[in-house]
Amino acid sequence: MLEIRVDRPESADYVQLCPEGELDAYSVAQFREAFAELGAEPRLIVNLAGVQFMDSAGLGALIGGIRKVRDNDGRIAVFCDRANITRLLHTTGFDRIVPVKEDLGEAVSALDDDPS
């Protein structure tokens, strides 16, 4: 099961998309919908700290969401401090298309460096 939270921290210039649970073929439609709603945000952090499992469908949805944000001239970074998810993102080369950081502060800083 997947729950999705959107955080707009006070005094911050970014929005966080925070999925929690399993991001797989069964829940990916919900994740895509959330990305569609946030696709016009100028600065977006995808916070994967609450994701216990992600399969190729989840990766595909993440890539599609990144395209949406960048097509709207937005900047995006991924925060994930879970070893299994971070390993998946690095192994698949995902970190070459979007900044992937294990510290939220570094992910926020990476928004300034995102080459979009």
PDB file of N, CA and C in Angstrom:
ATOM      1  N   MET A   1       0.830  -1.181   0.000  1.00  0.00           N
ATOM      2  CA  MET A   1       0.000   0.000   0.000  1.00  0.00           C
ATOM      3  C   MET A   1       0.879   1.250   0.000  1.00  0.00           C
ATOM      4  N   LEU A   2       0.422   2.278  -0.686  1.00  0.00           N
ATOM      5  CA  LEU A   2       1.190   3.513  -0.801  1.00  0.00           C
ATOM      6  C   LEU A   2       0.350   4.687  -0.310  1.00  0.00           C
ATOM      7  N   GLU A   3       0.958   5.500   0.508  1.00  0.00           N
ATOM      8  CA  GLU A   3       0.352   6.765   0.918  1.00  0.00           C
ATOM      9  C   GLU A   3       1.240   7.870   0.384  1.00  0.00           C
ATOM     10  N   ILE A   4       0.618   8.970  -0.024  1.00  0.00           N
ATOM     11  CA  ILE A   4       1.396  10.080  -0.569  1.00  0.00           C
ATOM     12  C   ILE A   4       1.047  11.348   0.197  1.00  0.00           C
ATOM     13  N   ARG A   5       2.100  12.013   0.616  1.00  0.00           N
ATOM     14  CA  ARG A   5       1.963  13.277   1.333  1.00  0.00           C
ATOM     15  C   ARG A   5       2.708  14.351   0.549  1.00  0.00           C
ATOM     16  N   VAL A   6       2.167  15.546   0.527  1.00  0.00           N
ATOM     17  CA  VAL A   6       2.843  16.687  -0.084  1.00  0.00           C
ATOM     18  C   VAL A   6       3.142  17.674   1.033  1.00  0.00           C
ATOM     19  N   ASP A   7       4.408  18.015   1.192  1.00  0.00           N
ATOM     20  CA  ASP A   7       4.830  18.967   2.223  1.00  0.00           C
ATOM     21  C   ASP A   7       5.284  20.263   1.567  1.00  0.00           C
ATOM     22  N   ARG A   8       4.793  21.358   2.097  1.00  0.00           N
ATOM     23  CA  ARG A   8       5.220  22.688   1.671  1.00  0.00           C
ATOM     24  C   ARG A   8       5.773  23.381   2.915  1.00  0.00           C
ATOM     25  N   PRO A   9       7.050  23.126   3.229  1.00  0.00           N
ATOM     26  CA  PRO A   9       7.618  23.686   4.457  1.00  0.00           C
ATOM     27  C   PRO A   9       7.537  25.216   4.470  1.00  0.00           C
ATOM     28  N   GLU A  10       7.157  25.753   5.633  1.00  0.00           N
ATOM     29  CA  GLU A  10       7.134  27.208   5.782  1.00  0.00           C
ATOM     30  C   GLU A  10       8.524  27.758   5.528  1.00  0.00           C
ATOM     31  N   SER A  11       8.588  28.909   4.967  1.00  0.00           N
ATOM     32  CA  SER A  11       9.837  29.627   4.678  1.00  0.00           C
ATOM     33  C   SER A  11      10.785  28.848   3.758  1.00  0.00           C
ATOM     34  N   ALA A  12      10.279  27.848   3.050  1.00  0.00           N
ATOM     35  CA  ALA A  12      11.106  27.105   2.089  1.00  0.00           C
ATOM     36  C   ALA A  12      10.627  27.439   0.677  1.00  0.00           C
ATOM     37  N   ASP A  13      11.533  27.340  -0.268  1.00  0.00           N
ATOM     38  CA  ASP A  13      11.181  27.647  -1.658  1.00  0.00           C
ATOM     39  C   ASP A  13      11.045  26.371  -2.495  1.00  0.00           C
ATOM     40  N   TYR A  14      10.665  25.286  -1.853  1.00  0.00           N
ATOM     41  CA  TYR A  14      10.493  24.017  -2.551  1.00  0.00           C
ATOM     42  C   TYR A  14       9.302  23.268  -1.965  1.00  0.00           C
ATOM     43  N   VAL A  15       8.857  22.260  -2.705  1.00  0.00           N
ATOM     44  CA  VAL A  15       7.776  21.375  -2.278  1.00  0.00           C
ATOM     45  C   VAL A  15       8.349  19.971  -2.213  1.00  0.00           C
ATOM     46  N   GLN A  16       7.871  19.168  -1.251  1.00  0.00           N
ATOM     47  CA  GLN A  16       8.300  17.768  -1.149  1.00  0.00           C
ATOM     48  C   GLN A  16       7.151  16.838  -1.496  1.00  0.00           C
ATOM     49  N   LEU A  17       7.428  15.898  -2.381  1.00  0.00           N
ATOM     50  CA  LEU A  17       6.510  14.799  -2.679  1.00  0.00           C
ATOM     51  C   LEU A  17       7.017  13.605  -1.881  1.00  0.00           C
ATOM     52  N   CYS A  18       6.203  13.109  -0.950  1.00  0.00           N
ATOM     53  CA  CYS A  18       6.651  12.089   0.001  1.00  0.00           C
ATOM     54  C   CYS A  18       5.800  10.828  -0.094  1.00  0.00           C
ATOM     55  N   PRO A  19       6.153   9.894  -0.975  1.00  0.00           N
ATOM     56  CA  PRO A  19       5.439   8.616  -0.983  1.00  0.00           C
ATOM     57  C   PRO A  19       5.907   7.767   0.196  1.00  0.00           C
ATOM     58  N   GLU A  20       4.996   6.988   0.758  1.00  0.00           N
ATOM     59  CA  GLU A  20       5.345   6.110   1.873  1.00  0.00           C
ATOM     60  C   GLU A  20       4.716   4.747   1.646  1.00  0.00           C
ATOM     61  N   GLY A  21       5.540   3.707   1.698  1.00  0.00           N
ATOM     62  CA  GLY A  21       5.059   2.348   1.487  1.00  0.00           C
ATOM     63  C   GLY A  21       5.793   1.698   0.330  1.00  0.00           C
ATOM     64  N   GLU A  22       5.066   0.930  -0.455  1.00  0.00           N
ATOM     65  CA  GLU A  22       5.653   0.222  -1.594  1.00  0.00           C
ATOM     66  C   GLU A  22       5.278   0.931  -2.889  1.00  0.00           C
ATOM     67  N   LEU A  23       6.301   1.263  -3.660  1.00  0.00           N
ATOM     68  CA  LEU A  23       6.109   1.945  -4.938  1.00  0.00           C
ATOM     69  C   LEU A  23       6.334   0.912  -6.039  1.00  0.00           C
ATOM     70  N   ASP A  24       5.237   0.286  -6.453  1.00  0.00           N
ATOM     71  CA  ASP A  24       5.327  -0.818  -7.404  1.00  0.00           C
ATOM     72  C   ASP A  24       4.196  -0.734  -8.427  1.00  0.00           C
ATOM     73  N   ALA A  25       4.066  -1.767  -9.231  1.00  0.00           N
ATOM     74  CA  ALA A  25       3.071  -1.785 -10.302  1.00  0.00           C
ATOM     75  C   ALA A  25       1.651  -1.574  -9.779  1.00  0.00           C
ATOM     76  N   TYR A  26       1.393  -1.972  -8.555  1.00  0.00           N
ATOM     77  CA  TYR A  26       0.047  -1.841  -7.990  1.00  0.00           C
ATOM     78  C   TYR A  26      -0.268  -0.424  -7.518  1.00  0.00           C
ATOM     79  N   SER A  27       0.747   0.344  -7.169  1.00  0.00           N
ATOM     80  CA  SER A  27       0.525   1.675  -6.594  1.00  0.00           C
ATOM     81  C   SER A  27       1.021   2.815  -7.472  1.00  0.00           C
ATOM     82  N   VAL A  28       1.621   2.488  -8.594  1.00  0.00           N
ATOM     83  CA  VAL A  28       2.289   3.495  -9.407  1.00  0.00           C
ATOM     84  C   VAL A  28       1.324   4.540  -9.977  1.00  0.00           C
ATOM     85  N   ALA A  29       0.081   4.181 -10.241  1.00  0.00           N
ATOM     86  CA  ALA A  29      -0.880   5.145 -10.795  1.00  0.00           C
ATOM     87  C   ALA A  29      -1.099   6.303  -9.822  1.00  0.00           C
ATOM     88  N   GLN A  30      -1.179   5.987  -8.557  1.00  0.00           N
ATOM     89  CA  GLN A  30      -1.360   7.009  -7.525  1.00  0.00           C
ATOM     90  C   GLN A  30      -0.152   7.955  -7.487  1.00  0.00           C
ATOM     91  N   PHE A  31       1.043   7.393  -7.631  1.00  0.00           N
ATOM     92  CA  PHE A  31       2.274   8.191  -7.640  1.00  0.00           C
ATOM     93  C   PHE A  31       2.309   9.094  -8.870  1.00  0.00           C
ATOM     94  N   ARG A  32       1.923   8.560 -10.019  1.00  0.00           N
ATOM     95  CA  ARG A  32       1.884   9.364 -11.250  1.00  0.00           C
ATOM     96  C   ARG A  32       0.908  10.535 -11.115  1.00  0.00           C
ATOM     97  N   GLU A  33      -0.245  10.279 -10.514  1.00  0.00           N
ATOM     98  CA  GLU A  33      -1.235  11.345 -10.307  1.00  0.00           C
ATOM     99  C   GLU A  33      -0.664  12.471  -9.447  1.00  0.00           C
ATOM    100  N   ALA A  34       0.024  12.100  -8.388  1.00  0.00           N
ATOM    101  CA  ALA A  34       0.622  13.110  -7.510  1.00  0.00           C
ATOM    102  C   ALA A  34       1.660  13.921  -8.269  1.00  0.00           C
ATOM    103  N   PHE A  35       2.470  13.255  -9.075  1.00  0.00           N
ATOM    104  CA  PHE A  35       3.466  13.952  -9.889  1.00  0.00           C
ATOM    105  C   PHE A  35       2.788  14.882 -10.881  1.00  0.00           C
ATOM    106  N   ALA A  36       1.695  14.441 -11.485  1.00  0.00           N
ATOM    107  CA  ALA A  36       0.980  15.274 -12.456  1.00  0.00           C
ATOM    108  C   ALA A  36       0.495  16.564 -11.793  1.00  0.00           C
ATOM    109  N   GLU A  37       0.026  16.461 -10.566  1.00  0.00           N
ATOM    110  CA  GLU A  37      -0.447  17.640  -9.843  1.00  0.00           C
ATOM    111  C   GLU A  37       0.689  18.592  -9.481  1.00  0.00           C
ATOM    112  N   LEU A  38       1.891  18.059  -9.318  1.00  0.00           N
ATOM    113  CA  LEU A  38       3.035  18.874  -8.901  1.00  0.00           C
ATOM    114  C   LEU A  38       3.988  19.194 -10.047  1.00  0.00           C
ATOM    115  N   GLY A  39       3.652  18.782 -11.253  1.00  0.00           N
ATOM    116  CA  GLY A  39       4.556  18.942 -12.393  1.00  0.00           C
ATOM    117  C   GLY A  39       4.941  20.372 -12.711  1.00  0.00           C
ATOM    118  N   ALA A  40       4.136  21.334 -12.294  1.00  0.00           N
ATOM    119  CA  ALA A  40       4.441  22.737 -12.580  1.00  0.00           C
ATOM    120  C   ALA A  40       5.190  23.425 -11.437  1.00  0.00           C
ATOM    121  N   GLU A  41       5.493  22.679 -10.384  1.00  0.00           N
ATOM    122  CA  GLU A  41       6.248  23.272  -9.270  1.00  0.00           C
ATOM    123  C   GLU A  41       7.653  23.640  -9.752  1.00  0.00           C
ATOM    124  N   PRO A  42       8.143  24.825  -9.400  1.00  0.00           N
ATOM    125  CA  PRO A  42       9.476  25.220  -9.868  1.00  0.00           C
ATOM    126  C   PRO A  42      10.623  24.482  -9.176  1.00  0.00           C
ATOM    127  N   ARG A  43      10.397  24.012  -7.936  1.00  0.00           N
ATOM    128  CA  ARG A  43      11.449  23.320  -7.178  1.00  0.00           C
ATOM    129  C   ARG A  43      10.804  22.196  -6.389  1.00  0.00           C
ATOM    130  N   LEU A  44      11.151  20.960  -6.743  1.00  0.00           N
ATOM    131  CA  LEU A  44      10.507  19.790  -6.152  1.00  0.00           C
ATOM    132  C   LEU A  44      11.546  18.803  -5.631  1.00  0.00           C
ATOM    133  N   ILE A  45      11.333  18.354  -4.403  1.00  0.00           N
ATOM    134  CA  ILE A  45      12.121  17.267  -3.818  1.00  0.00           C
ATOM    135  C   ILE A  45      11.218  16.043  -3.766  1.00  0.00           C
ATOM    136  N   VAL A  46      11.693  14.926  -4.304  1.00  0.00           N
ATOM    137  CA  VAL A  46      10.989  13.658  -4.140  1.00  0.00           C
ATOM    138  C   VAL A  46      11.660  12.967  -2.959  1.00  0.00           C
ATOM    139  N   ASN A  47      10.923  12.853  -1.869  1.00  0.00           N
ATOM    140  CA  ASN A  47      11.451  12.306  -0.624  1.00  0.00           C
ATOM    141  C   ASN A  47      11.062  10.829  -0.548  1.00  0.00           C
ATOM    142  N   LEU A  48      12.028   9.955  -0.819  1.00  0.00           N
ATOM    143  CA  LEU A  48      11.784   8.512  -0.834  1.00  0.00           C
ATOM    144  C   LEU A  48      12.133   7.835   0.491  1.00  0.00           C
ATOM    145  N   ALA A  49      12.309   8.610   1.546  1.00  0.00           N
ATOM    146  CA  ALA A  49      12.692   8.036   2.838  1.00  0.00           C
ATOM    147  C   ALA A  49      11.646   7.063   3.373  1.00  0.00           C
ATOM    148  N   GLY A  50      10.398   7.227   2.984  1.00  0.00           N
ATOM    149  CA  GLY A  50       9.339   6.353   3.468  1.00  0.00           C
ATOM    150  C   GLY A  50       9.006   5.198   2.551  1.00  0.00           C
ATOM    151  N   VAL A  51       9.770   5.035   1.478  1.00  0.00           N
ATOM    152  CA  VAL A  51       9.515   3.948   0.521  1.00  0.00           C
ATOM    153  C   VAL A  51      10.332   2.728   0.927  1.00  0.00           C
ATOM    154  N   GLN A  52       9.631   1.627   1.237  1.00  0.00           N
ATOM    155  CA  GLN A  52      10.332   0.406   1.637  1.00  0.00           C
ATOM    156  C   GLN A  52      10.740  -0.447   0.442  1.00  0.00           C
ATOM    157  N   PHE A  53       9.995  -0.328  -0.666  1.00  0.00           N
ATOM    158  CA  PHE A  53      10.248  -1.166  -1.842  1.00  0.00           C
ATOM    159  C   PHE A  53       9.889  -0.377  -3.089  1.00  0.00           C
ATOM    160  N   MET A  54      10.717  -0.524  -4.129  1.00  0.00           N
ATOM    161  CA  MET A  54      10.429   0.096  -5.420  1.00  0.00           C
ATOM    162  C   MET A  54      10.833  -0.871  -6.522  1.00  0.00           C
ATOM    163  N   ASP A  55       9.940  -1.061  -7.504  1.00  0.00           N
ATOM    164  CA  ASP A  55      10.271  -1.913  -8.643  1.00  0.00           C
ATOM    165  C   ASP A  55      10.424  -1.053  -9.899  1.00  0.00           C
ATOM    166  N   SER A  56      10.537  -1.705 -11.054  1.00  0.00           N
ATOM    167  CA  SER A  56      10.766  -0.976 -12.302  1.00  0.00           C
ATOM    168  C   SER A  56       9.606  -0.048 -12.649  1.00  0.00           C
ATOM    169  N   ALA A  57       8.393  -0.397 -12.253  1.00  0.00           N
ATOM    170  CA  ALA A  57       7.246   0.486 -12.499  1.00  0.00           C
ATOM    171  C   ALA A  57       7.406   1.782 -11.708  1.00  0.00           C
ATOM    172  N   GLY A  58       7.889   1.672 -10.485  1.00  0.00           N
ATOM    173  CA  GLY A  58       8.138   2.858  -9.670  1.00  0.00           C
ATOM    174  C   GLY A  58       9.228   3.727 -10.262  1.00  0.00           C
ATOM    175  N   LEU A  59      10.303   3.093 -10.737  1.00  0.00           N
ATOM    176  CA  LEU A  59      11.377   3.848 -11.394  1.00  0.00           C
ATOM    177  C   LEU A  59      10.855   4.561 -12.632  1.00  0.00           C
ATOM    178  N   GLY A  60      10.048   3.860 -13.419  1.00  0.00           N
ATOM    179  CA  GLY A  60       9.485   4.460 -14.628  1.00  0.00           C
ATOM    180  C   GLY A  60       8.619   5.668 -14.310  1.00  0.00           C
ATOM    181  N   ALA A  61       7.810   5.565 -13.268  1.00  0.00           N
ATOM    182  CA  ALA A  61       6.960   6.690 -12.867  1.00  0.00           C
ATOM    183  C   ALA A  61       7.806   7.863 -12.385  1.00  0.00           C
ATOM    184  N   LEU A  62       8.885   7.559 -11.691  1.00  0.00           N
ATOM    185  CA  LEU A  62       9.789   8.601 -11.217  1.00  0.00           C
ATOM    186  C   LEU A  62      10.428   9.327 -12.400  1.00  0.00           C
ATOM    187  N   ILE A  63      10.871   8.577 -13.391  1.00  0.00           N
ATOM    188  CA  ILE A  63      11.466   9.180 -14.586  1.00  0.00           C
ATOM    189  C   ILE A  63      10.437  10.036 -15.324  1.00  0.00           C
ATOM    190  N   GLY A  64       9.213   9.531 -15.456  1.00  0.00           N
ATOM    191  CA  GLY A  64       8.159  10.307 -16.105  1.00  0.00           C
ATOM    192  C   GLY A  64       7.867  11.601 -15.364  1.00  0.00           C
ATOM    193  N   GLY A  65       7.865  11.544 -14.046  1.00  0.00           N
ATOM    194  CA  GLY A  65       7.636  12.744 -13.244  1.00  0.00           C
ATOM    195  C   GLY A  65       8.752  13.758 -13.392  1.00  0.00           C
ATOM    196  N   ILE A  66       9.970  13.270 -13.471  1.00  0.00           N
ATOM    197  CA  ILE A  66      11.117  14.165 -13.669  1.00  0.00           C
ATOM    198  C   ILE A  66      10.970  14.900 -14.990  1.00  0.00           C
ATOM    199  N   ARG A  67      10.567  14.181 -16.029  1.00  0.00           N
ATOM    200  CA  ARG A  67      10.348  14.816 -17.337  1.00  0.00           C
ATOM    201  C   ARG A  67       9.304  15.921 -17.252  1.00  0.00           C
ATOM    202  N   LYS A  68       8.201  15.639 -16.552  1.00  0.00           N
ATOM    203  CA  LYS A  68       7.134  16.644 -16.411  1.00  0.00           C
ATOM    204  C   LYS A  68       7.665  17.917 -15.757  1.00  0.00           C
ATOM    205  N   VAL A  69       8.390  17.750 -14.670  1.00  0.00           N
ATOM    206  CA  VAL A  69       8.930  18.905 -13.953  1.00  0.00           C
ATOM    207  C   VAL A  69       9.892  19.670 -14.851  1.00  0.00           C
ATOM    208  N   ARG A  70      10.781  18.967 -15.505  1.00  0.00           N
ATOM    209  CA  ARG A  70      11.768  19.636 -16.356  1.00  0.00           C
ATOM    210  C   ARG A  70      11.139  20.238 -17.605  1.00  0.00           C
ATOM    211  N   ASP A  71      10.101  19.618 -18.136  1.00  0.00           N
ATOM    212  CA  ASP A  71       9.392  20.200 -19.286  1.00  0.00           C
ATOM    213  C   ASP A  71       8.764  21.542 -18.928  1.00  0.00           C
ATOM    214  N   ASN A  72       8.478  21.732 -17.651  1.00  0.00           N
ATOM    215  CA  ASN A  72       7.929  22.999 -17.164  1.00  0.00           C
ATOM    216  C   ASN A  72       9.023  23.905 -16.593  1.00  0.00           C
ATOM    217  N   ASP A  73      10.275  23.619 -16.966  1.00  0.00           N
ATOM    218  CA  ASP A  73      11.438  24.392 -16.519  1.00  0.00           C
ATOM    219  C   ASP A  73      11.636  24.365 -15.007  1.00  0.00           C
ATOM    220  N   GLY A  74      11.181  23.292 -14.369  1.00  0.00           N
ATOM    221  CA  GLY A  74      11.373  23.145 -12.934  1.00  0.00           C
ATOM    222  C   GLY A  74      12.673  22.425 -12.618  1.00  0.00           C
ATOM    223  N   ARG A  75      13.014  22.435 -11.358  1.00  0.00           N
ATOM    224  CA  ARG A  75      14.204  21.739 -10.864  1.00  0.00           C
ATOM    225  C   ARG A  75      13.756  20.661  -9.898  1.00  0.00           C
ATOM    226  N   ILE A  76      14.474  19.540  -9.913  1.00  0.00           N
ATOM    227  CA  ILE A  76      14.052  18.386  -9.120  1.00  0.00           C
ATOM    228  C   ILE A  76      15.267  17.652  -8.566  1.00  0.00           C
ATOM    229  N   ALA A  77      15.120  17.114  -7.376  1.00  0.00           N
ATOM    230  CA  ALA A  77      16.151  16.278  -6.758  1.00  0.00           C
ATOM    231  C   ALA A  77      15.441  15.202  -5.944  1.00  0.00           C
ATOM    232  N   VAL A  78      16.175  14.135  -5.660  1.00  0.00           N
ATOM    233  CA  VAL A  78      15.635  13.018  -4.882  1.00  0.00           C
ATOM    234  C   VAL A  78      16.398  12.925  -3.569  1.00  0.00           C
ATOM    235  N   PHE A  79      15.637  12.801  -2.481  1.00  0.00           N
ATOM    236  CA  PHE A  79      16.220  12.524  -1.170  1.00  0.00           C
ATOM    237  C   PHE A  79      15.835  11.107  -0.784  1.00  0.00           C
ATOM    238  N   CYS A  80      16.831  10.299  -0.412  1.00  0.00           N
ATOM    239  CA  CYS A  80      16.553   8.941   0.040  1.00  0.00           C
ATOM    240  C   CYS A  80      17.666   8.494   0.977  1.00  0.00           C
ATOM    241  N   ASP A  81      17.288   8.108   2.188  1.00  0.00           N
ATOM    242  CA  ASP A  81      18.280   7.627   3.148  1.00  0.00           C
ATOM    243  C   ASP A  81      18.121   6.134   3.421  1.00  0.00           C
ATOM    244  N   ARG A  82      17.395   5.445   2.565  1.00  0.00           N
ATOM    245  CA  ARG A  82      17.221   3.988   2.696  1.00  0.00           C
ATOM    246  C   ARG A  82      18.225   3.298   1.779  1.00  0.00           C
ATOM    247  N   ALA A  83      19.071   2.471   2.355  1.00  0.00           N
ATOM    248  CA  ALA A  83      20.156   1.839   1.599  1.00  0.00           C
ATOM    249  C   ALA A  83      19.650   1.033   0.409  1.00  0.00           C
ATOM    250  N   ASN A  84      18.576   0.275   0.575  1.00  0.00           N
ATOM    251  CA  ASN A  84      18.112  -0.572  -0.525  1.00  0.00           C
ATOM    252  C   ASN A  84      17.595   0.259  -1.702  1.00  0.00           C
ATOM    253  N   ILE A  85      16.917   1.354  -1.441  1.00  0.00           N
ATOM    254  CA  ILE A  85      16.394   2.201  -2.522  1.00  0.00           C
ATOM    255  C   ILE A  85      17.531   3.006  -3.148  1.00  0.00           C
ATOM    256  N   THR A  86      18.418   3.538  -2.319  1.00  0.00           N
ATOM    257  CA  THR A  86      19.559   4.294  -2.839  1.00  0.00           C
ATOM    258  C   THR A  86      20.426   3.410  -3.725  1.00  0.00           C
ATOM    259  N   ARG A  87      20.652   2.179  -3.300  1.00  0.00           N
ATOM    260  CA  ARG A  87      21.441   1.234  -4.097  1.00  0.00           C
ATOM    261  C   ARG A  87      20.771   0.994  -5.452  1.00  0.00           C
ATOM    262  N   LEU A  88      19.452   0.827  -5.459  1.00  0.00           N
ATOM    263  CA  LEU A  88      18.710   0.643  -6.709  1.00  0.00           C
ATOM    264  C   LEU A  88      18.893   1.849  -7.630  1.00  0.00           C
ATOM    265  N   LEU A  89      18.781   3.049  -7.082  1.00  0.00           N
ATOM    266  CA  LEU A  89      18.911   4.262  -7.892  1.00  0.00           C
ATOM    267  C   LEU A  89      20.318   4.397  -8.474  1.00  0.00           C
ATOM    268  N   HIS A  90      21.336   4.048  -7.695  1.00  0.00           N
ATOM    269  CA  HIS A  90      22.717   4.131  -8.188  1.00  0.00           C
ATOM    270  C   HIS A  90      23.012   3.014  -9.188  1.00  0.00           C
ATOM    271  N   THR A  91      22.558   1.811  -8.906  1.00  0.00           N
ATOM    272  CA  THR A  91      22.822   0.664  -9.781  1.00  0.00           C
ATOM    273  C   THR A  91      22.210   0.852 -11.163  1.00  0.00           C
ATOM    274  N   THR A  92      21.036   1.447 -11.209  1.00  0.00           N
ATOM    275  CA  THR A  92      20.354   1.653 -12.497  1.00  0.00           C
ATOM    276  C   THR A  92      20.834   2.910 -13.219  1.00  0.00           C
ATOM    277  N   GLY A  93      21.733   3.668 -12.606  1.00  0.00           N
ATOM    278  CA  GLY A  93      22.241   4.883 -13.238  1.00  0.00           C
ATOM    279  C   GLY A  93      21.295   6.065 -13.115  1.00  0.00           C
ATOM    280  N   PHE A  94      20.287   5.904 -12.292  1.00  0.00           N
ATOM    281  CA  PHE A  94      19.292   6.949 -12.109  1.00  0.00           C
ATOM    282  C   PHE A  94      19.925   8.248 -11.616  1.00  0.00           C
ATOM    283  N   ASP A  95      20.964   8.114 -10.800  1.00  0.00           N
ATOM    284  CA  ASP A  95      21.628   9.292 -10.238  1.00  0.00           C
ATOM    285  C   ASP A  95      22.387  10.107 -11.282  1.00  0.00           C
ATOM    286  N   ARG A  96      22.460   9.603 -12.518  1.00  0.00           N
ATOM    287  CA  ARG A  96      23.088  10.383 -13.585  1.00  0.00           C
ATOM    288  C   ARG A  96      22.100  11.330 -14.255  1.00  0.00           C
ATOM    289  N   ILE A  97      20.801  11.108 -14.037  1.00  0.00           N
ATOM    290  CA  ILE A  97      19.815  11.992 -14.665  1.00  0.00           C
ATOM    291  C   ILE A  97      19.194  12.975 -13.679  1.00  0.00           C
ATOM    292  N   VAL A  98      19.318  12.694 -12.398  1.00  0.00           N
ATOM    293  CA  VAL A  98      18.771  13.590 -11.375  1.00  0.00           C
ATOM    294  C   VAL A  98      19.626  13.448 -10.114  1.00  0.00           C
ATOM    295  N   PRO A  99      19.831  14.547  -9.384  1.00  0.00           N
ATOM    296  CA  PRO A  99      20.597  14.426  -8.142  1.00  0.00           C
ATOM    297  C   PRO A  99      19.883  13.513  -7.137  1.00  0.00           C
ATOM    298  N   VAL A 100      20.616  12.559  -6.586  1.00  0.00           N
ATOM    299  CA  VAL A 100      20.103  11.662  -5.549  1.00  0.00           C
ATOM    300  C   VAL A 100      20.980  11.869  -4.321  1.00  0.00           C
ATOM    301  N   LYS A 101      20.379  12.326  -3.240  1.00  0.00           N
ATOM    302  CA  LYS A 101      21.134  12.658  -2.030  1.00  0.00           C
ATOM    303  C   LYS A 101      20.580  11.903  -0.831  1.00  0.00           C
ATOM    304  N   GLU A 102      21.480  11.540   0.086  1.00  0.00           N
ATOM    305  CA  GLU A 102      21.086  10.823   1.296  1.00  0.00           C
ATOM    306  C   GLU A 102      20.841  11.768   2.469  1.00  0.00           C
ATOM    307  N   ASP A 103      20.926  13.067   2.218  1.00  0.00           N
ATOM    308  CA  ASP A 103      20.692  14.087   3.230  1.00  0.00           C
ATOM    309  C   ASP A 103      19.728  15.116   2.636  1.00  0.00           C
ATOM    310  N   LEU A 104      18.672  15.450   3.359  1.00  0.00           N
ATOM    311  CA  LEU A 104      17.666  16.368   2.829  1.00  0.00           C
ATOM    312  C   LEU A 104      18.259  17.733   2.497  1.00  0.00           C
ATOM    313  N   GLY A 105      19.129  18.232   3.343  1.00  0.00           N
ATOM    314  CA  GLY A 105      19.769  19.522   3.079  1.00  0.00           C
ATOM    315  C   GLY A 105      20.567  19.504   1.786  1.00  0.00           C
ATOM    316  N   GLU A 106      21.263  18.395   1.525  1.00  0.00           N
ATOM    317  CA  GLU A 106      22.025  18.269   0.280  1.00  0.00           C
ATOM    318  C   GLU A 106      21.093  18.200  -0.926  1.00  0.00           C
ATOM    319  N   ALA A 107      19.945  17.552  -0.760  1.00  0.00           N
ATOM    320  CA  ALA A 107      18.972  17.479  -1.859  1.00  0.00           C
ATOM    321  C   ALA A 107      18.433  18.869  -2.180  1.00  0.00           C
ATOM    322  N   VAL A 108      18.157  19.651  -1.148  1.00  0.00           N
ATOM    323  CA  VAL A 108      17.676  21.021  -1.367  1.00  0.00           C
ATOM    324  C   VAL A 108      18.754  21.832  -2.076  1.00  0.00           C
ATOM    325  N   SER A 109      20.001  21.705  -1.641  1.00  0.00           N
ATOM    326  CA  SER A 109      21.110  22.411  -2.299  1.00  0.00           C
ATOM    327  C   SER A 109      21.269  21.968  -3.742  1.00  0.00           C
ATOM    328  N   ALA A 110      21.011  20.689  -4.006  1.00  0.00           N
ATOM    329  CA  ALA A 110      21.153  20.161  -5.368  1.00  0.00           C
ATOM    330  C   ALA A 110      20.141  20.785  -6.325  1.00  0.00           C
ATOM    331  N   LEU A 111      19.047  21.316  -5.805  1.00  0.00           N
ATOM    332  CA  LEU A 111      18.082  21.990  -6.680  1.00  0.00           C
ATOM    333  C   LEU A 111      18.736  23.161  -7.400  1.00  0.00           C
ATOM    334  N   ASP A 112      19.695  23.808  -6.741  1.00  0.00           N
ATOM    335  CA  ASP A 112      20.399  24.927  -7.368  1.00  0.00           C
ATOM    336  C   ASP A 112      21.374  24.456  -8.431  1.00  0.00           C
ATOM    337  N   ASP A 113      21.816  23.195  -8.325  1.00  0.00           N
ATOM    338  CA  ASP A 113      22.798  22.647  -9.258  1.00  0.00           C
ATOM    339  C   ASP A 113      22.165  21.822 -10.367  1.00  0.00           C
ATOM    340  N   ASP A 114      20.864  21.511 -10.256  1.00  0.00           N
ATOM    341  CA  ASP A 114      20.183  20.654 -11.233  1.00  0.00           C
ATOM    342  C   ASP A 114      20.273  21.289 -12.611  1.00  0.00           C
ATOM    343  N   PRO A 115      20.902  20.596 -13.579  1.00  0.00           N
ATOM    344  CA  PRO A 115      21.098  21.170 -14.911  1.00  0.00           C
ATOM    345  C   PRO A 115      19.843  21.210 -15.767  1.00  0.00           C
ATOM    346  N   SER A 116      18.747  20.621 -15.289  1.00  0.00           N
ATOM    347  CA  SER A 116      17.475  20.580 -16.034  1.00  0.00           C
ATOM    348  C   SER A 116      17.727  20.821 -17.482  1.00  0.00           C
TER     349      SER A 116
END
